[in-house]
C-alpha atoms as a PDB file:
ATOM      1  CA  MET A   1      74.917 -63.244  28.075  1.00  0.00           C
ATOM      2  CA  ASN A   2      77.600 -63.721  25.471  1.00  0.00           C
ATOM      3  CA  ARG A   3      75.803 -63.948  22.125  1.00  0.00           C
ATOM      4  CA  SER A   4      77.375 -63.975  18.713  1.00  0.00           C
ATOM      5  CA  ILE A   5      76.577 -61.368  16.092  1.00  0.00           C
ATOM      6  CA  ASP A   6      74.651 -63.947  14.039  1.00  0.00           C
ATOM      7  CA  GLU A   7      72.401 -64.788  16.999  1.00  0.00           C
ATOM      8  CA  ILE A   8      71.702 -61.097  17.574  1.00  0.00           C
ATOM      9  CA  ASP A   9      70.856 -60.647  13.877  1.00  0.00           C
ATOM     10  CA  VAL A  10      68.367 -63.527  14.096  1.00  0.00           C
ATOM     11  CA  LEU A  11      66.714 -61.969  17.157  1.00  0.00           C
ATOM     12  CA  ILE A  12      66.464 -58.607  15.411  1.00  0.00           C
ATOM     13  CA  ARG A  13      64.885 -60.192  12.319  1.00  0.00           C
ATOM     14  CA  GLU A  14      62.341 -62.003  14.468  1.00  0.00           C
ATOM     15  CA  ALA A  15      61.408 -58.750  16.201  1.00  0.00           C
ATOM     16  CA  LEU A  16      60.988 -56.851  12.925  1.00  0.00           C
ATOM     17  CA  GLY A  17      58.140 -57.150  10.480  1.00  0.00           C
ATOM     18  CA  GLN A  18      58.584 -58.483   6.924  1.00  0.00           C
ATOM     19  CA  ASP A  19      58.987 -55.028   5.341  1.00  0.00           C
ATOM     20  CA  ASP A  20      61.456 -53.918   7.976  1.00  0.00           C
ATOM     21  CA  ALA A  21      63.473 -57.131   7.661  1.00  0.00           C
ATOM     22  CA  GLU A  22      63.785 -56.574   3.894  1.00  0.00           C
ATOM     23  CA  LEU A  23      64.973 -53.020   4.527  1.00  0.00           C
ATOM     24  CA  LEU A  24      67.507 -54.315   7.052  1.00  0.00           C
ATOM     25  CA  ASP A  25      68.778 -56.822   4.459  1.00  0.00           C
ATOM     26  CA  GLN A  26      69.794 -53.901   2.240  1.00  0.00           C
ATOM     27  CA  PHE A  27      72.250 -52.882   4.933  1.00  0.00           C
ATOM     28  CA  GLY A  28      73.502 -56.404   5.695  1.00  0.00           C
ATOM     29  CA  GLN A  29      77.015 -57.811   5.612  1.00  0.00           C
ATOM     30  CA  GLN A  30      78.868 -57.586   2.298  1.00  0.00           C
ATOM     31  CA  SER A  31      81.386 -59.834   0.660  1.00  0.00           C
ATOM     32  CA  LEU A  32      84.777 -58.471  -0.411  1.00  0.00           C
ATOM     33  CA  PRO A  33      83.799 -58.116  -4.106  1.00  0.00           C
ATOM     34  CA  GLU A  34      80.663 -56.207  -3.062  1.00  0.00           C
ATOM     35  CA  MET A  35      82.738 -53.899  -0.871  1.00  0.00           C
ATOM     36  CA  ILE A  36      85.157 -53.217  -3.733  1.00  0.00           C
ATOM     37  CA  THR A  37      82.276 -52.539  -6.118  1.00  0.00           C
ATOM     38  CA  ASP A  38      80.665 -50.163  -3.614  1.00  0.00           C
ATOM     39  CA  ALA A  39      83.936 -48.221  -3.323  1.00  0.00           C
ATOM     40  CA  PHE A  40      83.717 -47.530  -7.069  1.00  0.00           C
ATOM     41  CA  ARG A  41      80.013 -46.586  -6.872  1.00  0.00           C
ATOM     42  CA  GLY A  42      80.032 -44.199  -3.915  1.00  0.00           C
ATOM     43  CA  LYS A  43      80.371 -40.451  -3.792  1.00  0.00           C
ATOM     44  CA  ARG A  44      84.145 -40.803  -3.797  1.00  0.00           C
ATOM     45  CA  ARG A  45      84.317 -43.034  -6.889  1.00  0.00           C
ATOM     46  CA  LEU A  46      86.567 -40.579  -8.732  1.00  0.00           C
ATOM     47  CA  GLU A  47      89.087 -40.673  -5.880  1.00  0.00           C
ATOM     48  CA  THR A  48      88.935 -44.485  -5.767  1.00  0.00           C
ATOM     49  CA  THR A  49      89.478 -44.684  -9.518  1.00  0.00           C
ATOM     50  CA  ALA A  50      92.418 -42.261  -9.343  1.00  0.00           C
ATOM     51  CA  VAL A  51      94.033 -44.275  -6.535  1.00  0.00           C
ATOM     52  CA  THR A  52      93.610 -47.467  -8.560  1.00  0.00           C
ATOM     53  CA  VAL A  53      95.235 -45.870 -11.606  1.00  0.00           C
ATOM     54  CA  VAL A  54      98.153 -44.641  -9.482  1.00  0.00           C
ATOM     55  CA  ILE A  55      98.581 -48.156  -8.045  1.00  0.00           C
ATOM     56  CA  PHE A  56      98.850 -49.592 -11.563  1.00  0.00           C
ATOM     57  CA  ILE A  57     101.338 -46.875 -12.548  1.00  0.00           C
ATOM     58  CA  PHE A  58     103.553 -47.693  -9.563  1.00  0.00           C
ATOM     59  CA  PHE A  59     103.238 -51.392 -10.351  1.00  0.00           C
ATOM     60  CA  GLY A  60     104.426 -50.774 -13.904  1.00  0.00           C
ATOM     61  CA  LEU A  61     107.318 -48.624 -12.698  1.00  0.00           C
ATOM     62  CA  SER A  62     108.299 -51.288 -10.163  1.00  0.00           C
ATOM     63  CA  ILE A  63     108.340 -53.987 -12.833  1.00  0.00           C
ATOM     64  CA  TYR A  64     110.399 -51.735 -15.125  1.00  0.00           C
ATOM     65  CA  CYS A  65     112.901 -51.075 -12.317  1.00  0.00           C
ATOM     66  CA  ALA A  66     113.059 -54.811 -11.523  1.00  0.00           C
ATOM     67  CA  VAL A  67     113.851 -55.662 -15.156  1.00  0.00           C
ATOM     68  CA  ARG A  68     116.531 -52.960 -15.246  1.00  0.00           C
ATOM     69  CA  PHE A  69     117.879 -54.228 -11.892  1.00  0.00           C
ATOM     70  CA  PHE A  70     118.480 -57.704 -13.288  1.00  0.00           C
ATOM     71  CA  GLY A  71     120.088 -56.233 -16.394  1.00  0.00           C
ATOM     72  CA  ALA A  72     122.436 -53.929 -14.471  1.00  0.00           C
ATOM     73  CA  THR A  73     126.148 -54.582 -14.686  1.00  0.00           C
ATOM     74  CA  ASP A  74     127.637 -52.706 -11.734  1.00  0.00           C
ATOM     75  CA  ILE A  75     126.682 -52.469  -8.059  1.00  0.00           C
ATOM     76  CA  ARG A  76     125.767 -48.768  -8.069  1.00  0.00           C
ATOM     77  CA  GLU A  77     123.309 -49.276 -10.896  1.00  0.00           C
ATOM     78  CA  MET A  78     121.828 -52.323  -9.157  1.00  0.00           C
ATOM     79  CA  LEU A  79     121.368 -50.337  -5.937  1.00  0.00           C
ATOM     80  CA  LEU A  80     119.592 -47.500  -7.752  1.00  0.00           C
ATOM     81  CA  TRP A  81     117.231 -49.801  -9.652  1.00  0.00           C
ATOM     82  CA  GLY A  82     116.662 -51.851  -6.495  1.00  0.00           C
ATOM     83  CA  ALA A  83     115.750 -48.667  -4.642  1.00  0.00           C
ATOM     84  CA  GLY A  84     113.297 -47.903  -7.437  1.00  0.00           C
ATOM     85  CA  VAL A  85     111.676 -51.313  -6.971  1.00  0.00           C
ATOM     86  CA  PHE A  86     111.469 -50.772  -3.212  1.00  0.00           C
ATOM     87  CA  ILE A  87     110.002 -47.269  -3.532  1.00  0.00           C
ATOM     88  CA  GLY A  88     107.520 -48.413  -6.173  1.00  0.00           C
ATOM     89  CA  PHE A  89     106.217 -51.350  -4.162  1.00  0.00           C
ATOM     90  CA  SER A  90     106.148 -49.290  -0.943  1.00  0.00           C
ATOM     91  CA  SER A  91     104.134 -46.573  -2.676  1.00  0.00           C
ATOM     92  CA  MET A  92     101.797 -49.210  -4.064  1.00  0.00           C
ATOM     93  CA  ALA A  93     101.259 -50.581  -0.557  1.00  0.00           C
ATOM     94  CA  GLY A  94     100.502 -47.105   0.770  1.00  0.00           C
ATOM     95  CA  PHE A  95      97.917 -46.431  -1.911  1.00  0.00           C
ATOM     96  CA  LYS A  96      96.349 -49.850  -1.332  1.00  0.00           C
ATOM     97  CA  LEU A  97      95.958 -48.898   2.327  1.00  0.00           C
ATOM     98  CA  VAL A  98      94.033 -45.828   1.199  1.00  0.00           C
ATOM     99  CA  GLY A  99      91.706 -48.114  -0.771  1.00  0.00           C
ATOM    100  CA  TRP A 100      91.190 -50.452   2.182  1.00  0.00           C
ATOM    101  CA  MET A 101      90.448 -47.484   4.453  1.00  0.00           C
ATOM    102  CA  GLU A 102      87.829 -46.293   1.963  1.00  0.00           C
ATOM    103  CA  MET A 103      86.161 -49.714   2.006  1.00  0.00           C
ATOM    104  CA  ASN A 104      86.318 -49.696   5.803  1.00  0.00           C
ATOM    105  CA  ARG A 105      84.693 -46.259   5.875  1.00  0.00           C
ATOM    106  CA  ASN A 106      81.879 -47.510   3.659  1.00  0.00           C
ATOM    107  CA  ALA A 107      81.359 -50.588   5.870  1.00  0.00           C
ATOM    108  CA  LEU A 108      81.258 -48.407   8.974  1.00  0.00           C
ATOM    109  CA  ALA A 109      78.720 -46.060   7.385  1.00  0.00           C
ATOM    110  CA  ARG A 110      76.620 -49.108   6.457  1.00  0.00           C
ATOM    111  CA  GLU A 111      76.662 -50.347  10.074  1.00  0.00           C
ATOM    112  CA  ILE A 112      75.691 -46.899  11.361  1.00  0.00           C
ATOM    113  CA  LYS A 113      72.724 -46.902   8.966  1.00  0.00           C
ATOM    114  CA  ARG A 114      71.722 -50.327  10.307  1.00  0.00           C
ATOM    115  CA  LEU A 115      71.810 -48.961  13.844  1.00  0.00           C
ATOM    116  CA  GLU A 116      69.788 -45.912  12.825  1.00  0.00           C
ATOM    117  CA  LEU A 117      67.182 -48.189  11.295  1.00  0.00           C
ATOM    118  CA  GLN A 118      67.021 -50.333  14.410  1.00  0.00           C
ATOM    119  CA  VAL A 119      66.688 -47.273  16.674  1.00  0.00           C
ATOM    120  CA  ALA A 120      63.928 -45.898  14.449  1.00  0.00           C
ATOM    121  CA  GLN A 121      62.093 -49.225  14.601  1.00  0.00           C
ATOM    122  CA  LEU A 122      62.489 -49.332  18.370  1.00  0.00           C
ATOM    123  CA  ALA A 123      61.176 -45.786  18.719  1.00  0.00           C
ATOM    124  CA  LYS A 124      58.222 -46.664  16.483  1.00  0.00           C
ATOM    125  CA  SER A 125      57.372 -49.743  18.541  1.00  0.00           C
ATOM    126  CA  VAL A 126      57.633 -47.809  21.830  1.00  0.00           C
ATOM    127  CA  ARG A 127      55.276 -45.066  20.529  1.00  0.00           C
ATOM    128  CA  GLY A 128      52.774 -47.474  19.025  1.00  0.00           C
END
């Protein structure tokens, strides 16, 4: 009994009534732009905005260091500016990971809500 997630979703929709299926659609799968938008709408939108601003700051600093790197005349100066580029892009990557983890947390919370809804519907059908 190896069913795909899509097949299971179809079976669940068939078992639910029209109103319940519409409610389940609210907690359905999201596209990447929807996930990004939700990260800026949630309770932690201020944190997400701050992380995004910090990412842009590090991007600007990395570009500045890269320009200075190519304009450097001696090896020591090139190494220092190159280290600045490396640190800037590494920091940017770390902050981007924080953003992806936030989107993952939101997706996980969405799936838990779907399960709660399905358990509530199951309990309702068993009682009635």
